[in-house]
Amino acid sequence: GDFFTSDMAGMIIEISDNVAPANNGEYEII
């Protein structure tokens, strides 16, 4: 589906529903 697009660089991404709870949270797309 071409989800990630070039304009997303610099935006915030939230990861959720992962089997490793430590992965869940917010990160910045570099």
PDB file of all heavy atoms in Angstrom:
ATOM      1  N   GLY A   1       0.761  -1.241   0.000  1.00  0.00           N
ATOM      2  CA  GLY A   1       0.000   0.000   0.000  1.00  0.00           C
ATOM      3  C   GLY A   1       0.789   1.287   0.000  1.00  0.00           C
ATOM      4  O   GLY A   1       0.193   2.366   0.080  1.00  0.00           O
ATOM      5  N   ASP A   2       2.126   1.245  -0.105  1.00  0.00           N
ATOM      6  CA  ASP A   2       2.928   2.481  -0.112  1.00  0.00           C
ATOM      7  C   ASP A   2       2.554   3.384   1.063  1.00  0.00           C
ATOM      8  O   ASP A   2       2.299   4.581   0.896  1.00  0.00           O
ATOM      9  CB  ASP A   2       2.745   3.251  -1.425  1.00  0.00           C
ATOM     10  CG  ASP A   2       3.296   2.492  -2.621  1.00  0.00           C
ATOM     11  OD1 ASP A   2       4.334   1.826  -2.455  1.00  0.00           O
ATOM     12  OD2 ASP A   2       2.698   2.546  -3.702  1.00  0.00           O
ATOM     13  N   PHE A   3       2.522   2.817   2.269  1.00  0.00           N
ATOM     14  CA  PHE A   3       2.047   3.587   3.419  1.00  0.00           C
ATOM     15  C   PHE A   3       2.964   4.748   3.751  1.00  0.00           C
ATOM     16  O   PHE A   3       2.525   5.891   3.874  1.00  0.00           O
ATOM     17  CB  PHE A   3       1.892   2.672   4.640  1.00  0.00           C
ATOM     18  CG  PHE A   3       1.495   3.406   5.886  1.00  0.00           C
ATOM     19  CD1 PHE A   3       0.206   3.894   6.029  1.00  0.00           C
ATOM     20  CD2 PHE A   3       2.404   3.638   6.904  1.00  0.00           C
ATOM     21  CE1 PHE A   3      -0.174   4.598   7.174  1.00  0.00           C
ATOM     22  CE2 PHE A   3       2.040   4.332   8.050  1.00  0.00           C
ATOM     23  CZ  PHE A   3       0.746   4.811   8.184  1.00  0.00           C
ATOM     24  N   PHE A   4       4.266   4.465   3.909  1.00  0.00           N
ATOM     25  CA  PHE A   4       5.205   5.535   4.240  1.00  0.00           C
ATOM     26  C   PHE A   4       5.523   6.347   2.994  1.00  0.00           C
ATOM     27  O   PHE A   4       5.928   5.807   1.969  1.00  0.00           O
ATOM     28  CB  PHE A   4       6.489   4.959   4.845  1.00  0.00           C
ATOM     29  CG  PHE A   4       6.298   4.367   6.208  1.00  0.00           C
ATOM     30  CD1 PHE A   4       6.527   3.010   6.426  1.00  0.00           C
ATOM     31  CD2 PHE A   4       5.877   5.144   7.271  1.00  0.00           C
ATOM     32  CE1 PHE A   4       6.349   2.459   7.680  1.00  0.00           C
ATOM     33  CE2 PHE A   4       5.692   4.590   8.529  1.00  0.00           C
ATOM     34  CZ  PHE A   4       5.927   3.242   8.739  1.00  0.00           C
ATOM     35  N   THR A   5       5.345   7.643   3.075  1.00  0.00           N
ATOM     36  CA  THR A   5       5.618   8.546   1.958  1.00  0.00           C
ATOM     37  C   THR A   5       6.679   9.556   2.372  1.00  0.00           C
ATOM     38  O   THR A   5       6.918   9.779   3.562  1.00  0.00           O
ATOM     39  CB  THR A   5       4.336   9.271   1.517  1.00  0.00           C
ATOM     40  OG1 THR A   5       3.744   9.914   2.667  1.00  0.00           O
ATOM     41  CG2 THR A   5       3.336   8.291   0.921  1.00  0.00           C
ATOM     42  N   SER A   6       7.298  10.209   1.388  1.00  0.00           N
ATOM     43  CA  SER A   6       8.438  11.092   1.667  1.00  0.00           C
ATOM     44  C   SER A   6       8.069  12.262   2.565  1.00  0.00           C
ATOM     45  O   SER A   6       8.911  12.765   3.313  1.00  0.00           O
ATOM     46  CB  SER A   6       9.041  11.590   0.355  1.00  0.00           C
ATOM     47  OG  SER A   6       8.064  12.288  -0.402  1.00  0.00           O
ATOM     48  N   ASP A   7       6.817  12.726   2.526  1.00  0.00           N
ATOM     49  CA  ASP A   7       6.434  13.868   3.353  1.00  0.00           C
ATOM     50  C   ASP A   7       6.372  13.513   4.836  1.00  0.00           C
ATOM     51  O   ASP A   7       6.280  14.404   5.685  1.00  0.00           O
ATOM     52  CB  ASP A   7       5.085  14.424   2.902  1.00  0.00           C
ATOM     53  CG  ASP A   7       3.934  13.469   3.195  1.00  0.00           C
ATOM     54  OD1 ASP A   7       3.957  12.350   2.660  1.00  0.00           O
ATOM     55  OD2 ASP A   7       3.010  13.847   3.941  1.00  0.00           O
ATOM     56  N   MET A   8       6.415  12.209   5.167  1.00  0.00           N
ATOM     57  CA  MET A   8       6.358  11.801   6.570  1.00  0.00           C
ATOM     58  C   MET A   8       7.685  12.002   7.301  1.00  0.00           C
ATOM     59  O   MET A   8       7.719  11.925   8.534  1.00  0.00           O
ATOM     60  CB  MET A   8       5.935  10.338   6.680  1.00  0.00           C
ATOM     61  CG  MET A   8       4.507  10.066   6.267  1.00  0.00           C
ATOM     62  SD  MET A   8       4.076   8.320   6.492  1.00  0.00           S
ATOM     63  CE  MET A   8       2.378   8.286   5.953  1.00  0.00           C
ATOM     64  N   ALA A   9       8.768  12.216   6.577  1.00  0.00           N
ATOM     65  CA  ALA A   9      10.055  12.454   7.236  1.00  0.00           C
ATOM     66  C   ALA A   9       9.953  13.694   8.115  1.00  0.00           C
ATOM     67  O   ALA A   9       9.553  14.760   7.659  1.00  0.00           O
ATOM     68  CB  ALA A   9      11.159  12.617   6.199  1.00  0.00           C
ATOM     69  N   GLY A  10      10.276  13.549   9.390  1.00  0.00           N
ATOM     70  CA  GLY A  10      10.157  14.633  10.347  1.00  0.00           C
ATOM     71  C   GLY A  10       8.909  14.552  11.194  1.00  0.00           C
ATOM     72  O   GLY A  10       8.789  15.277  12.186  1.00  0.00           O
ATOM     73  N   MET A  11       7.957  13.685  10.834  1.00  0.00           N
ATOM     74  CA  MET A  11       6.726  13.544  11.618  1.00  0.00           C
ATOM     75  C   MET A  11       6.933  12.550  12.760  1.00  0.00           C
ATOM     76  O   MET A  11       7.950  11.866  12.846  1.00  0.00           O
ATOM     77  CB  MET A  11       5.570  13.109  10.712  1.00  0.00           C
ATOM     78  CG  MET A  11       5.177  14.119   9.659  1.00  0.00           C
ATOM     79  SD  MET A  11       3.686  13.615   8.753  1.00  0.00           S
ATOM     80  CE  MET A  11       3.603  14.893   7.508  1.00  0.00           C
ATOM     81  N   ILE A  12       5.933  12.468  13.616  1.00  0.00           N
ATOM     82  CA  ILE A  12       5.949  11.564  14.764  1.00  0.00           C
ATOM     83  C   ILE A  12       5.210  10.288  14.400  1.00  0.00           C
ATOM     84  O   ILE A  12       4.146  10.339  13.767  1.00  0.00           O
ATOM     85  CB  ILE A  12       5.294  12.231  15.991  1.00  0.00           C
ATOM     86  CG1 ILE A  12       6.052  13.500  16.376  1.00  0.00           C
ATOM     87  CG2 ILE A  12       5.243  11.259  17.170  1.00  0.00           C
ATOM     88  CD1 ILE A  12       7.480  13.266  16.821  1.00  0.00           C
ATOM     89  N   ILE A  13       5.749   9.126  14.796  1.00  0.00           N
ATOM     90  CA  ILE A  13       5.076   7.860  14.588  1.00  0.00           C
ATOM     91  C   ILE A  13       4.835   7.196  15.941  1.00  0.00           C
ATOM     92  O   ILE A  13       5.728   7.165  16.799  1.00  0.00           O
ATOM     93  CB  ILE A  13       5.876   6.918  13.658  1.00  0.00           C
ATOM     94  CG1 ILE A  13       5.108   5.614  13.417  1.00  0.00           C
ATOM     95  CG2 ILE A  13       7.265   6.653  14.177  1.00  0.00           C
ATOM     96  CD1 ILE A  13       5.720   4.734  12.347  1.00  0.00           C
ATOM     97  N   GLU A  14       3.630   6.708  16.133  1.00  0.00           N
ATOM     98  CA  GLU A  14       3.276   5.985  17.360  1.00  0.00           C
ATOM     99  C   GLU A  14       3.168   4.495  17.043  1.00  0.00           C
ATOM    100  O   GLU A  14       2.432   4.098  16.127  1.00  0.00           O
ATOM    101  CB  GLU A  14       1.947   6.488  17.916  1.00  0.00           C
ATOM    102  CG  GLU A  14       1.520   5.767  19.187  1.00  0.00           C
ATOM    103  CD  GLU A  14       0.145   6.192  19.669  1.00  0.00           C
ATOM    104  OE1 GLU A  14      -0.472   7.068  19.036  1.00  0.00           O
ATOM    105  OE2 GLU A  14      -0.320   5.623  20.682  1.00  0.00           O
ATOM    106  N   ILE A  15       3.917   3.684  17.785  1.00  0.00           N
ATOM    107  CA  ILE A  15       3.872   2.232  17.643  1.00  0.00           C
ATOM    108  C   ILE A  15       3.026   1.671  18.784  1.00  0.00           C
ATOM    109  O   ILE A  15       3.234   2.029  19.951  1.00  0.00           O
ATOM    110  CB  ILE A  15       5.285   1.621  17.676  1.00  0.00           C
ATOM    111  CG1 ILE A  15       6.134   2.182  16.530  1.00  0.00           C
ATOM    112  CG2 ILE A  15       5.226   0.099  17.592  1.00  0.00           C
ATOM    113  CD1 ILE A  15       7.575   1.707  16.543  1.00  0.00           C
ATOM    114  N   SER A  16       2.085   0.816  18.442  1.00  0.00           N
ATOM    115  CA  SER A  16       1.239   0.187  19.460  1.00  0.00           C
ATOM    116  C   SER A  16       0.941  -1.247  19.058  1.00  0.00           C
ATOM    117  O   SER A  16       1.200  -1.662  17.910  1.00  0.00           O
ATOM    118  CB  SER A  16      -0.056   0.984  19.654  1.00  0.00           C
ATOM    119  OG  SER A  16      -0.787   1.046  18.441  1.00  0.00           O
ATOM    120  N   ASP A  17       0.403  -2.006  19.995  1.00  0.00           N
ATOM    121  CA  ASP A  17      -0.036  -3.394  19.752  1.00  0.00           C
ATOM    122  C   ASP A  17       1.105  -4.309  19.332  1.00  0.00           C
ATOM    123  O   ASP A  17       0.884  -5.292  18.614  1.00  0.00           O
ATOM    124  CB  ASP A  17      -1.143  -3.431  18.676  1.00  0.00           C
ATOM    125  CG  ASP A  17      -2.359  -2.610  19.061  1.00  0.00           C
ATOM    126  OD1 ASP A  17      -2.649  -2.518  20.268  1.00  0.00           O
ATOM    127  OD2 ASP A  17      -3.015  -2.060  18.155  1.00  0.00           O
ATOM    128  N   ASN A  18       2.316  -4.014  19.768  1.00  0.00           N
ATOM    129  CA  ASN A  18       3.432  -4.909  19.488  1.00  0.00           C
ATOM    130  C   ASN A  18       3.602  -5.893  20.635  1.00  0.00           C
ATOM    131  O   ASN A  18       3.287  -5.577  21.784  1.00  0.00           O
ATOM    132  CB  ASN A  18       4.718  -4.112  19.252  1.00  0.00           C
ATOM    133  CG  ASN A  18       5.862  -4.987  18.771  1.00  0.00           C
ATOM    134  OD1 ASN A  18       6.816  -5.233  19.505  1.00  0.00           O
ATOM    135  ND2 ASN A  18       5.773  -5.457  17.537  1.00  0.00           N
ATOM    136  N   VAL A  19       4.130  -7.078  20.309  1.00  0.00           N
ATOM    137  CA  VAL A  19       4.272  -8.113  21.338  1.00  0.00           C
ATOM    138  C   VAL A  19       5.276  -7.714  22.410  1.00  0.00           C
ATOM    139  O   VAL A  19       5.216  -8.219  23.537  1.00  0.00           O
ATOM    140  CB  VAL A  19       4.684  -9.457  20.701  1.00  0.00           C
ATOM    141  CG1 VAL A  19       3.567  -9.993  19.823  1.00  0.00           C
ATOM    142  CG2 VAL A  19       5.963  -9.286  19.877  1.00  0.00           C
ATOM    143  N   ALA A  20       6.212  -6.827  22.059  1.00  0.00           N
ATOM    144  CA  ALA A  20       7.184  -6.342  23.042  1.00  0.00           C
ATOM    145  C   ALA A  20       6.715  -4.995  23.552  1.00  0.00           C
ATOM    146  O   ALA A  20       6.787  -3.996  22.827  1.00  0.00           O
ATOM    147  CB  ALA A  20       8.573  -6.231  22.419  1.00  0.00           C
ATOM    148  N   PRO A  21       6.209  -4.910  24.792  1.00  0.00           N
ATOM    149  CA  PRO A  21       5.680  -3.640  25.298  1.00  0.00           C
ATOM    150  C   PRO A  21       6.685  -2.501  25.257  1.00  0.00           C
ATOM    151  O   PRO A  21       6.296  -1.335  25.122  1.00  0.00           O
ATOM    152  CB  PRO A  21       5.278  -3.985  26.740  1.00  0.00           C
ATOM    153  CG  PRO A  21       5.068  -5.465  26.744  1.00  0.00           C
ATOM    154  CD  PRO A  21       6.056  -6.013  25.759  1.00  0.00           C
ATOM    155  N   ALA A  22       7.978  -2.812  25.355  1.00  0.00           N
ATOM    156  CA  ALA A  22       8.990  -1.755  25.351  1.00  0.00           C
ATOM    157  C   ALA A  22       9.048  -1.020  24.012  1.00  0.00           C
ATOM    158  O   ALA A  22       9.528   0.109  23.938  1.00  0.00           O
ATOM    159  CB  ALA A  22      10.360  -2.333  25.679  1.00  0.00           C
ATOM    160  N   ASN A  23       8.555  -1.664  22.939  1.00  0.00           N
ATOM    161  CA  ASN A  23       8.575  -1.015  21.628  1.00  0.00           C
ATOM    162  C   ASN A  23       7.477   0.027  21.475  1.00  0.00           C
ATOM    163  O   ASN A  23       7.578   0.923  20.648  1.00  0.00           O
ATOM    164  CB  ASN A  23       8.422  -2.058  20.516  1.00  0.00           C
ATOM    165  CG  ASN A  23       9.628  -2.965  20.402  1.00  0.00           C
ATOM    166  OD1 ASN A  23      10.706  -2.622  20.860  1.00  0.00           O
ATOM    167  ND2 ASN A  23       9.447  -4.134  19.803  1.00  0.00           N
ATOM    168  N   ASN A  24       6.401  -0.144  22.224  1.00  0.00           N
ATOM    169  CA  ASN A  24       5.257   0.758  22.062  1.00  0.00           C
ATOM    170  C   ASN A  24       5.606   2.154  22.557  1.00  0.00           C
ATOM    171  O   ASN A  24       6.270   2.327  23.579  1.00  0.00           O
ATOM    172  CB  ASN A  24       4.054   0.208  22.823  1.00  0.00           C
ATOM    173  CG  ASN A  24       3.564  -1.111  22.245  1.00  0.00           C
ATOM    174  OD1 ASN A  24       3.675  -1.352  21.050  1.00  0.00           O
ATOM    175  ND2 ASN A  24       3.019  -1.975  23.100  1.00  0.00           N
ATOM    176  N   GLY A  25       5.156   3.161  21.827  1.00  0.00           N
ATOM    177  CA  GLY A  25       5.434   4.546  22.192  1.00  0.00           C
ATOM    178  C   GLY A  25       5.635   5.398  20.957  1.00  0.00           C
ATOM    179  O   GLY A  25       5.373   4.967  19.822  1.00  0.00           O
ATOM    180  N   GLU A  26       6.093   6.623  21.162  1.00  0.00           N
ATOM    181  CA  GLU A  26       6.275   7.565  20.069  1.00  0.00           C
ATOM    182  C   GLU A  26       7.744   7.706  19.695  1.00  0.00           C
ATOM    183  O   GLU A  26       8.626   7.729  20.563  1.00  0.00           O
ATOM    184  CB  GLU A  26       5.715   8.941  20.450  1.00  0.00           C
ATOM    185  CG  GLU A  26       4.194   8.991  20.504  1.00  0.00           C
ATOM    186  CD  GLU A  26       3.673  10.400  20.662  1.00  0.00           C
ATOM    187  OE1 GLU A  26       4.446  11.292  21.070  1.00  0.00           O
ATOM    188  OE2 GLU A  26       2.477  10.617  20.369  1.00  0.00           O
ATOM    189  N   TYR A  27       7.988   7.836  18.384  1.00  0.00           N
ATOM    190  CA  TYR A  27       9.322   8.042  17.824  1.00  0.00           C
ATOM    191  C   TYR A  27       9.218   9.106  16.736  1.00  0.00           C
ATOM    192  O   TYR A  27       8.120   9.475  16.317  1.00  0.00           O
ATOM    193  CB  TYR A  27       9.879   6.741  17.229  1.00  0.00           C
ATOM    194  CG  TYR A  27       9.951   5.595  18.217  1.00  0.00           C
ATOM    195  CD1 TYR A  27       8.825   4.796  18.470  1.00  0.00           C
ATOM    196  CD2 TYR A  27      11.119   5.314  18.911  1.00  0.00           C
ATOM    197  CE1 TYR A  27       8.884   3.755  19.378  1.00  0.00           C
ATOM    198  CE2 TYR A  27      11.186   4.263  19.814  1.00  0.00           C
ATOM    199  CZ  TYR A  27      10.056   3.495  20.045  1.00  0.00           C
ATOM    200  OH  TYR A  27      10.114   2.457  20.950  1.00  0.00           O
ATOM    201  N   GLU A  28      10.354   9.586  16.291  1.00  0.00           N
ATOM    202  CA  GLU A  28      10.397  10.542  15.182  1.00  0.00           C
ATOM    203  C   GLU A  28      10.927   9.839  13.948  1.00  0.00           C
ATOM    204  O   GLU A  28      11.887   9.071  14.015  1.00  0.00           O
ATOM    205  CB  GLU A  28      11.295  11.731  15.519  1.00  0.00           C
ATOM    206  CG  GLU A  28      11.334  12.794  14.428  1.00  0.00           C
ATOM    207  CD  GLU A  28      12.232  13.966  14.755  1.00  0.00           C
ATOM    208  OE1 GLU A  28      12.635  14.085  15.928  1.00  0.00           O
ATOM    209  OE2 GLU A  28      12.530  14.765  13.845  1.00  0.00           O
ATOM    210  N   ILE A  29      10.304  10.106  12.798  1.00  0.00           N
ATOM    211  CA  ILE A  29      10.760   9.525  11.534  1.00  0.00           C
ATOM    212  C   ILE A  29      11.915  10.371  11.001  1.00  0.00           C
ATOM    213  O   ILE A  29      11.735  11.547  10.676  1.00  0.00           O
ATOM    214  CB  ILE A  29       9.614   9.452  10.517  1.00  0.00           C
ATOM    215  CG1 ILE A  29       8.473   8.594  11.055  1.00  0.00           C
ATOM    216  CG2 ILE A  29      10.108   8.909   9.183  1.00  0.00           C
ATOM    217  CD1 ILE A  29       7.254   8.548  10.146  1.00  0.00           C
ATOM    218  N   ILE A  30      13.091   9.780  10.917  1.00  0.00           N
ATOM    219  CA  ILE A  30      14.269  10.510  10.455  1.00  0.00           C
ATOM    220  C   ILE A  30      14.427  10.431   8.941  1.00  0.00           C
ATOM    221  O   ILE A  30      14.948  11.335   8.295  1.00  0.00           O
ATOM    222  CB  ILE A  30      15.548   9.996  11.153  1.00  0.00           C
ATOM    223  CG1 ILE A  30      16.750  10.872  10.842  1.00  0.00           C
ATOM    224  CG2 ILE A  30      15.839   8.562  10.774  1.00  0.00           C
ATOM    225  CD1 ILE A  30      16.732  12.195  11.514  1.00  0.00           C
TER     226      ILE A  30
END
